[in-house]
């Protein structure tokens, strides 16, 4: 599969183009089948996209939304990705969509793996679109370099995997995570990598050239040949 790069002059132009592309793709999906599944990442970069998508003219009642990864926090906590989606996407028209969260009542993500895998096994697949982000350390989803659980997640054929990341400026204090595995992310029909800033473009270029998954986990999606990857970038 080919990787397509889409570079824009500013974030507003990028978000507008991406919102149109996602809406069109989901409309086409729902025209040929009765469901669509949208996998979404947290972080500040996609928030304007989610706000625009919330008003998209789609039959949202037929759309399942699920998280690519999550901090092991209750959904009412400020850093929760589930909270981010509820406040920025599941409003307006998109309020009719269903949301599958990752956080369970378990004390740790490792204790919550089984329940999380049950939830994700019930999601309609193949997934329509998966939106990924990337950190300056080359992580995507919660596949952090050097993390406890990374090797198991990379090799897993389960949907979700627990991660205990190495504390850094990127992770902050929230180092216990749940993530979709590469195997499950690659059950998508399309991957979108959404990044901004010259520093992340340089990391992306390094990942394109090196392909060292343990050091730059995003590489696994750049160098796979199963699912089309569209990369959207703005300064």
C-alpha atoms as a PDB file:
ATOM      1  CA  UNK A   1       0.000   0.000   0.000  1.00  0.00           C
ATOM      2  CA  UNK A   2       1.163   3.532  -0.658  1.00  0.00           C
ATOM      3  CA  UNK A   3       1.549   6.349   1.832  1.00  0.00           C
ATOM      4  CA  UNK A   4       0.114   9.681   0.669  1.00  0.00           C
ATOM      5  CA  UNK A   5       1.372  12.955   2.141  1.00  0.00           C
ATOM      6  CA  UNK A   6      -0.930  15.986   2.261  1.00  0.00           C
ATOM      7  CA  UNK A   7       0.846  19.192   3.300  1.00  0.00           C
ATOM      8  CA  UNK A   8      -1.016  22.421   4.032  1.00  0.00           C
ATOM      9  CA  UNK A   9      -0.080  26.045   4.663  1.00  0.00           C
ATOM     10  CA  UNK A  10      -1.948  26.176   7.967  1.00  0.00           C
ATOM     11  CA  UNK A  11      -3.894  23.982  10.385  1.00  0.00           C
ATOM     12  CA  UNK A  12      -7.258  25.513   9.549  1.00  0.00           C
ATOM     13  CA  UNK A  13      -6.919  24.569   5.879  1.00  0.00           C
ATOM     14  CA  UNK A  14      -5.762  21.075   6.842  1.00  0.00           C
ATOM     15  CA  UNK A  15      -8.673  20.488   9.230  1.00  0.00           C
ATOM     16  CA  UNK A  16     -11.226  21.690   6.677  1.00  0.00           C
ATOM     17  CA  UNK A  17      -9.834  19.356   4.008  1.00  0.00           C
ATOM     18  CA  UNK A  18      -9.663  16.398   6.370  1.00  0.00           C
ATOM     19  CA  UNK A  19     -13.200  16.938   7.659  1.00  0.00           C
ATOM     20  CA  UNK A  20     -14.506  16.886   4.092  1.00  0.00           C
ATOM     21  CA  UNK A  21     -12.540  13.729   3.268  1.00  0.00           C
ATOM     22  CA  UNK A  22     -13.726  11.863   6.374  1.00  0.00           C
ATOM     23  CA  UNK A  23     -17.341  12.927   5.909  1.00  0.00           C
ATOM     24  CA  UNK A  24     -17.282  11.839   2.267  1.00  0.00           C
ATOM     25  CA  UNK A  25     -15.695   8.502   3.159  1.00  0.00           C
ATOM     26  CA  UNK A  26     -18.244   7.780   5.900  1.00  0.00           C
ATOM     27  CA  UNK A  27     -21.152   8.800   3.657  1.00  0.00           C
ATOM     28  CA  UNK A  28     -19.941   6.354   1.018  1.00  0.00           C
ATOM     29  CA  UNK A  29     -19.509   3.639   3.645  1.00  0.00           C
ATOM     30  CA  UNK A  30     -23.037   4.117   4.988  1.00  0.00           C
ATOM     31  CA  UNK A  31     -24.431   4.108   1.451  1.00  0.00           C
ATOM     32  CA  UNK A  32     -23.214   0.543   0.934  1.00  0.00           C
ATOM     33  CA  UNK A  33     -23.635  -0.894   4.441  1.00  0.00           C
ATOM     34  CA  UNK A  34     -25.612  -0.213   7.619  1.00  0.00           C
ATOM     35  CA  UNK A  35     -22.723   0.713   9.904  1.00  0.00           C
ATOM     36  CA  UNK A  36     -19.407   2.518  10.156  1.00  0.00           C
ATOM     37  CA  UNK A  37     -16.692   2.436  12.814  1.00  0.00           C
ATOM     38  CA  UNK A  38     -14.501   5.453  13.501  1.00  0.00           C
ATOM     39  CA  UNK A  39     -11.343   5.052  15.609  1.00  0.00           C
ATOM     40  CA  UNK A  40     -10.090   8.304  17.132  1.00  0.00           C
ATOM     41  CA  UNK A  41      -7.065   9.557  19.053  1.00  0.00           C
ATOM     42  CA  UNK A  42      -6.805  12.129  21.816  1.00  0.00           C
ATOM     43  CA  UNK A  43      -4.549  15.158  22.052  1.00  0.00           C
ATOM     44  CA  UNK A  44      -5.039  18.810  21.171  1.00  0.00           C
ATOM     45  CA  UNK A  45      -4.308  18.545  17.428  1.00  0.00           C
ATOM     46  CA  UNK A  46      -7.533  16.759  16.377  1.00  0.00           C
ATOM     47  CA  UNK A  47      -9.904  18.752  18.617  1.00  0.00           C
ATOM     48  CA  UNK A  48     -10.849  21.298  15.880  1.00  0.00           C
ATOM     49  CA  UNK A  49     -11.467  18.369  13.529  1.00  0.00           C
ATOM     50  CA  UNK A  50     -13.809  16.689  16.007  1.00  0.00           C
ATOM     51  CA  UNK A  51     -15.750  19.913  16.517  1.00  0.00           C
ATOM     52  CA  UNK A  52     -16.268  20.282  12.775  1.00  0.00           C
ATOM     53  CA  UNK A  53     -17.182  16.611  12.371  1.00  0.00           C
ATOM     54  CA  UNK A  54     -19.806  16.900  15.113  1.00  0.00           C
ATOM     55  CA  UNK A  55     -22.054  18.771  12.654  1.00  0.00           C
ATOM     56  CA  UNK A  56     -21.366  16.569   9.616  1.00  0.00           C
ATOM     57  CA  UNK A  57     -24.424  15.397   7.719  1.00  0.00           C
ATOM     58  CA  UNK A  58     -24.162  11.704   8.499  1.00  0.00           C
ATOM     59  CA  UNK A  59     -26.502   9.077   9.891  1.00  0.00           C
ATOM     60  CA  UNK A  60     -24.567   9.168  13.141  1.00  0.00           C
ATOM     61  CA  UNK A  61     -26.877   6.626  14.781  1.00  0.00           C
ATOM     62  CA  UNK A  62     -25.173   4.035  12.574  1.00  0.00           C
ATOM     63  CA  UNK A  63     -21.639   5.118  13.555  1.00  0.00           C
ATOM     64  CA  UNK A  64     -19.630   3.477  16.333  1.00  0.00           C
ATOM     65  CA  UNK A  65     -16.842   5.644  17.732  1.00  0.00           C
ATOM     66  CA  UNK A  66     -13.975   4.085  19.688  1.00  0.00           C
ATOM     67  CA  UNK A  67     -10.708   5.271  21.188  1.00  0.00           C
ATOM     68  CA  UNK A  68      -7.309   4.349  19.782  1.00  0.00           C
ATOM     69  CA  UNK A  69      -5.826   4.705  23.270  1.00  0.00           C
ATOM     70  CA  UNK A  70      -6.606   6.029  26.707  1.00  0.00           C
ATOM     71  CA  UNK A  71      -4.950   7.231  29.876  1.00  0.00           C
ATOM     72  CA  UNK A  72      -6.012   5.039  32.806  1.00  0.00           C
ATOM     73  CA  UNK A  73      -8.243   7.760  34.219  1.00  0.00           C
ATOM     74  CA  UNK A  74     -11.950   7.911  34.900  1.00  0.00           C
ATOM     75  CA  UNK A  75     -13.896   9.565  32.047  1.00  0.00           C
ATOM     76  CA  UNK A  76     -14.668  12.635  34.161  1.00  0.00           C
ATOM     77  CA  UNK A  77     -10.968  13.469  34.549  1.00  0.00           C
ATOM     78  CA  UNK A  78      -9.624  16.374  32.512  1.00  0.00           C
ATOM     79  CA  UNK A  79      -6.937  14.319  30.698  1.00  0.00           C
ATOM     80  CA  UNK A  80      -9.348  11.539  29.701  1.00  0.00           C
ATOM     81  CA  UNK A  81      -9.605  10.943  25.949  1.00  0.00           C
ATOM     82  CA  UNK A  82     -13.161   9.714  26.421  1.00  0.00           C
ATOM     83  CA  UNK A  83     -14.050  13.048  27.993  1.00  0.00           C
ATOM     84  CA  UNK A  84     -12.372  14.858  25.092  1.00  0.00           C
ATOM     85  CA  UNK A  85     -14.550  13.018  22.563  1.00  0.00           C
ATOM     86  CA  UNK A  86     -17.744  13.519  24.564  1.00  0.00           C
ATOM     87  CA  UNK A  87     -17.128  17.262  24.841  1.00  0.00           C
ATOM     88  CA  UNK A  88     -15.915  17.917  21.285  1.00  0.00           C
ATOM     89  CA  UNK A  89     -17.390  15.260  18.970  1.00  0.00           C
ATOM     90  CA  UNK A  90     -20.462  13.683  20.550  1.00  0.00           C
ATOM     91  CA  UNK A  91     -22.400  16.918  20.376  1.00  0.00           C
ATOM     92  CA  UNK A  92     -24.696  18.379  17.685  1.00  0.00           C
ATOM     93  CA  UNK A  93     -25.504  15.723  15.054  1.00  0.00           C
ATOM     94  CA  UNK A  94     -22.780  13.353  16.257  1.00  0.00           C
ATOM     95  CA  UNK A  95     -24.482  13.017  19.656  1.00  0.00           C
ATOM     96  CA  UNK A  96     -26.369  10.084  18.103  1.00  0.00           C
ATOM     97  CA  UNK A  97     -23.192   8.044  17.639  1.00  0.00           C
ATOM     98  CA  UNK A  98     -22.258   5.323  20.115  1.00  0.00           C
ATOM     99  CA  UNK A  99     -18.946   5.541  21.969  1.00  0.00           C
ATOM    100  CA  UNK A 100     -16.864   2.613  23.192  1.00  0.00           C
ATOM    101  CA  UNK A 101     -14.455   3.699  25.922  1.00  0.00           C
ATOM    102  CA  UNK A 102     -11.405   1.853  27.219  1.00  0.00           C
ATOM    103  CA  UNK A 103     -11.334   2.692  30.932  1.00  0.00           C
ATOM    104  CA  UNK A 104     -12.804  -0.028  33.141  1.00  0.00           C
ATOM    105  CA  UNK A 105     -13.220  -0.293  36.906  1.00  0.00           C
ATOM    106  CA  UNK A 106      -9.951  -2.248  37.150  1.00  0.00           C
ATOM    107  CA  UNK A 107      -7.172  -0.724  39.224  1.00  0.00           C
ATOM    108  CA  UNK A 108      -4.617  -0.921  36.406  1.00  0.00           C
ATOM    109  CA  UNK A 109      -4.718  -1.243  32.623  1.00  0.00           C
ATOM    110  CA  UNK A 110      -3.110  -4.677  32.956  1.00  0.00           C
ATOM    111  CA  UNK A 111      -6.050  -5.785  35.114  1.00  0.00           C
ATOM    112  CA  UNK A 112      -8.458  -4.203  32.643  1.00  0.00           C
ATOM    113  CA  UNK A 113      -7.137  -5.818  29.458  1.00  0.00           C
ATOM    114  CA  UNK A 114      -9.656  -8.651  29.344  1.00  0.00           C
ATOM    115  CA  UNK A 115     -12.703  -6.397  29.670  1.00  0.00           C
ATOM    116  CA  UNK A 116     -11.308  -3.918  27.154  1.00  0.00           C
ATOM    117  CA  UNK A 117     -10.693  -6.694  24.637  1.00  0.00           C
ATOM    118  CA  UNK A 118     -14.295  -7.868  25.027  1.00  0.00           C
ATOM    119  CA  UNK A 119     -15.560  -4.376  24.249  1.00  0.00           C
ATOM    120  CA  UNK A 120     -13.416  -4.029  21.152  1.00  0.00           C
ATOM    121  CA  UNK A 121     -14.186  -7.526  19.902  1.00  0.00           C
ATOM    122  CA  UNK A 122     -17.824  -6.391  19.685  1.00  0.00           C
ATOM    123  CA  UNK A 123     -17.040  -3.372  17.482  1.00  0.00           C
ATOM    124  CA  UNK A 124     -18.191  -3.719  13.853  1.00  0.00           C
ATOM    125  CA  UNK A 125     -15.187  -4.324  11.626  1.00  0.00           C
ATOM    126  CA  UNK A 126     -13.312  -3.767   9.403  1.00  0.00           C
ATOM    127  CA  UNK A 127     -13.096  -0.288  10.866  1.00  0.00           C
ATOM    128  CA  UNK A 128     -13.892   2.510   8.435  1.00  0.00           C
ATOM    129  CA  UNK A 129     -11.217   5.050   9.415  1.00  0.00           C
ATOM    130  CA  UNK A 130      -8.558   5.244  12.105  1.00  0.00           C
ATOM    131  CA  UNK A 131      -7.044   8.613  13.011  1.00  0.00           C
ATOM    132  CA  UNK A 132      -3.609   8.418  14.592  1.00  0.00           C
ATOM    133  CA  UNK A 133      -1.433  11.099  16.098  1.00  0.00           C
ATOM    134  CA  UNK A 134       2.306  11.075  16.746  1.00  0.00           C
ATOM    135  CA  UNK A 135       4.490  12.462  19.500  1.00  0.00           C
ATOM    136  CA  UNK A 136       7.946  14.000  19.170  1.00  0.00           C
ATOM    137  CA  UNK A 137       9.320  10.707  20.521  1.00  0.00           C
ATOM    138  CA  UNK A 138       7.812   8.773  17.601  1.00  0.00           C
ATOM    139  CA  UNK A 139       5.023   7.167  19.611  1.00  0.00           C
ATOM    140  CA  UNK A 140       1.561   6.709  18.182  1.00  0.00           C
ATOM    141  CA  UNK A 141      -1.536   5.508  20.019  1.00  0.00           C
ATOM    142  CA  UNK A 142       0.063   4.646  23.404  1.00  0.00           C
ATOM    143  CA  UNK A 143       2.887   2.684  21.827  1.00  0.00           C
ATOM    144  CA  UNK A 144       5.702   4.499  23.641  1.00  0.00           C
ATOM    145  CA  UNK A 145       9.382   3.693  23.081  1.00  0.00           C
ATOM    146  CA  UNK A 146      10.788   1.778  26.031  1.00  0.00           C
ATOM    147  CA  UNK A 147       7.417   1.218  27.686  1.00  0.00           C
ATOM    148  CA  UNK A 148       6.552  -1.839  29.737  1.00  0.00           C
ATOM    149  CA  UNK A 149       4.121  -3.772  27.579  1.00  0.00           C
ATOM    150  CA  UNK A 150       5.354  -2.373  24.248  1.00  0.00           C
ATOM    151  CA  UNK A 151       6.909  -5.604  22.995  1.00  0.00           C
ATOM    152  CA  UNK A 152       3.801  -7.560  23.969  1.00  0.00           C
ATOM    153  CA  UNK A 153       1.543  -5.024  22.235  1.00  0.00           C
ATOM    154  CA  UNK A 154       3.613  -5.095  19.032  1.00  0.00           C
ATOM    155  CA  UNK A 155       3.429  -8.896  18.894  1.00  0.00           C
ATOM    156  CA  UNK A 156      -0.180  -9.251  20.050  1.00  0.00           C
ATOM    157  CA  UNK A 157      -3.139 -10.468  18.038  1.00  0.00           C
ATOM    158  CA  UNK A 158      -5.548  -9.106  20.660  1.00  0.00           C
ATOM    159  CA  UNK A 159      -7.424  -5.843  20.228  1.00  0.00           C
ATOM    160  CA  UNK A 160      -6.047  -3.947  23.215  1.00  0.00           C
ATOM    161  CA  UNK A 161      -2.907  -3.998  25.337  1.00  0.00           C
ATOM    162  CA  UNK A 162      -1.862  -2.376  28.604  1.00  0.00           C
ATOM    163  CA  UNK A 163       1.111  -0.015  28.640  1.00  0.00           C
ATOM    164  CA  UNK A 164       3.206   1.408  31.476  1.00  0.00           C
ATOM    165  CA  UNK A 165       5.226   4.157  29.833  1.00  0.00           C
ATOM    166  CA  UNK A 166       8.507   5.687  30.902  1.00  0.00           C
ATOM    167  CA  UNK A 167       7.675   9.042  32.466  1.00  0.00           C
ATOM    168  CA  UNK A 168       8.719  11.929  30.215  1.00  0.00           C
ATOM    169  CA  UNK A 169       7.684  15.369  29.042  1.00  0.00           C
ATOM    170  CA  UNK A 170       5.545  13.605  26.433  1.00  0.00           C
ATOM    171  CA  UNK A 171       3.681  11.282  28.792  1.00  0.00           C
ATOM    172  CA  UNK A 172       3.349  13.676  31.698  1.00  0.00           C
ATOM    173  CA  UNK A 173       2.191  11.978  34.890  1.00  0.00           C
ATOM    174  CA  UNK A 174      -0.263   9.674  33.116  1.00  0.00           C
ATOM    175  CA  UNK A 175       1.992   6.720  32.355  1.00  0.00           C
ATOM    176  CA  UNK A 176      -0.575   3.936  32.751  1.00  0.00           C
ATOM    177  CA  UNK A 177      -2.347   3.535  29.416  1.00  0.00           C
ATOM    178  CA  UNK A 178      -4.491   1.221  27.334  1.00  0.00           C
ATOM    179  CA  UNK A 179      -3.859   1.080  23.602  1.00  0.00           C
ATOM    180  CA  UNK A 180      -5.172  -0.643  20.569  1.00  0.00           C
ATOM    181  CA  UNK A 181      -2.517  -2.995  19.234  1.00  0.00           C
ATOM    182  CA  UNK A 182      -1.003  -2.604  15.769  1.00  0.00           C
ATOM    183  CA  UNK A 183      -2.797  -5.807  14.787  1.00  0.00           C
ATOM    184  CA  UNK A 184      -6.189  -4.315  15.647  1.00  0.00           C
ATOM    185  CA  UNK A 185      -5.455  -0.863  14.184  1.00  0.00           C
ATOM    186  CA  UNK A 186      -4.583  -2.584  10.920  1.00  0.00           C
ATOM    187  CA  UNK A 187      -8.116  -3.981  10.751  1.00  0.00           C
ATOM    188  CA  UNK A 188      -9.004  -0.514   9.405  1.00  0.00           C
ATOM    189  CA  UNK A 189      -9.790   0.297   5.781  1.00  0.00           C
ATOM    190  CA  UNK A 190      -7.880   3.582   6.021  1.00  0.00           C
ATOM    191  CA  UNK A 191      -5.315   5.103   8.386  1.00  0.00           C
ATOM    192  CA  UNK A 192      -4.860   8.842   8.800  1.00  0.00           C
ATOM    193  CA  UNK A 193      -1.799  10.256  10.562  1.00  0.00           C
ATOM    194  CA  UNK A 194      -2.500  13.816  11.699  1.00  0.00           C
ATOM    195  CA  UNK A 195       0.540  15.884  12.707  1.00  0.00           C
ATOM    196  CA  UNK A 196       1.560  19.521  12.994  1.00  0.00           C
ATOM    197  CA  UNK A 197       4.846  21.374  13.379  1.00  0.00           C
ATOM    198  CA  UNK A 198       8.262  21.102  11.767  1.00  0.00           C
ATOM    199  CA  UNK A 199       9.592  18.977  14.648  1.00  0.00           C
ATOM    200  CA  UNK A 200       7.029  16.260  14.059  1.00  0.00           C
ATOM    201  CA  UNK A 201       7.577  16.376  10.305  1.00  0.00           C
ATOM    202  CA  UNK A 202      11.243  15.658  10.970  1.00  0.00           C
ATOM    203  CA  UNK A 203      10.315  12.721  13.238  1.00  0.00           C
ATOM    204  CA  UNK A 204       7.968  11.419  10.552  1.00  0.00           C
ATOM    205  CA  UNK A 205      10.746  11.653   7.959  1.00  0.00           C
ATOM    206  CA  UNK A 206      13.110   9.747  10.244  1.00  0.00           C
ATOM    207  CA  UNK A 207      10.496   7.053  10.700  1.00  0.00           C
ATOM    208  CA  UNK A 208      10.056   6.830   6.923  1.00  0.00           C
ATOM    209  CA  UNK A 209      13.788   6.309   6.498  1.00  0.00           C
ATOM    210  CA  UNK A 210      14.586   4.079   9.464  1.00  0.00           C
ATOM    211  CA  UNK A 211      11.657   1.797  10.117  1.00  0.00           C
ATOM    212  CA  UNK A 212      12.968   0.883  13.589  1.00  0.00           C
ATOM    213  CA  UNK A 213       9.712   0.072  15.350  1.00  0.00           C
ATOM    214  CA  UNK A 214      11.048  -0.155  18.913  1.00  0.00           C
ATOM    215  CA  UNK A 215      12.631   3.306  18.707  1.00  0.00           C
ATOM    216  CA  UNK A 216       9.955   4.962  16.549  1.00  0.00           C
ATOM    217  CA  UNK A 217       6.748   2.921  16.959  1.00  0.00           C
ATOM    218  CA  UNK A 218       4.907   4.985  14.333  1.00  0.00           C
ATOM    219  CA  UNK A 219       7.157   3.219  11.802  1.00  0.00           C
ATOM    220  CA  UNK A 220       5.037   0.084  11.970  1.00  0.00           C
ATOM    221  CA  UNK A 221       2.192   1.908  10.205  1.00  0.00           C
ATOM    222  CA  UNK A 222       4.415   3.721   7.733  1.00  0.00           C
ATOM    223  CA  UNK A 223       6.154   0.569   6.510  1.00  0.00           C
ATOM    224  CA  UNK A 224       3.204  -1.841   6.470  1.00  0.00           C
ATOM    225  CA  UNK A 225       1.654  -2.768   3.111  1.00  0.00           C
ATOM    226  CA  UNK A 226      -1.838  -3.712   4.205  1.00  0.00           C
ATOM    227  CA  UNK A 227      -3.776  -0.471   4.775  1.00  0.00           C
ATOM    228  CA  UNK A 228      -3.513   2.884   2.945  1.00  0.00           C
ATOM    229  CA  UNK A 229      -1.983   5.617   5.107  1.00  0.00           C
ATOM    230  CA  UNK A 230      -2.786   9.283   4.494  1.00  0.00           C
ATOM    231  CA  UNK A 231      -0.502  11.726   6.305  1.00  0.00           C
ATOM    232  CA  UNK A 232      -1.935  15.197   6.963  1.00  0.00           C
ATOM    233  CA  UNK A 233       0.546  17.874   8.044  1.00  0.00           C
ATOM    234  CA  UNK A 234       0.493  21.598   8.667  1.00  0.00           C
ATOM    235  CA  UNK A 235       3.066  23.921  10.304  1.00  0.00           C
END
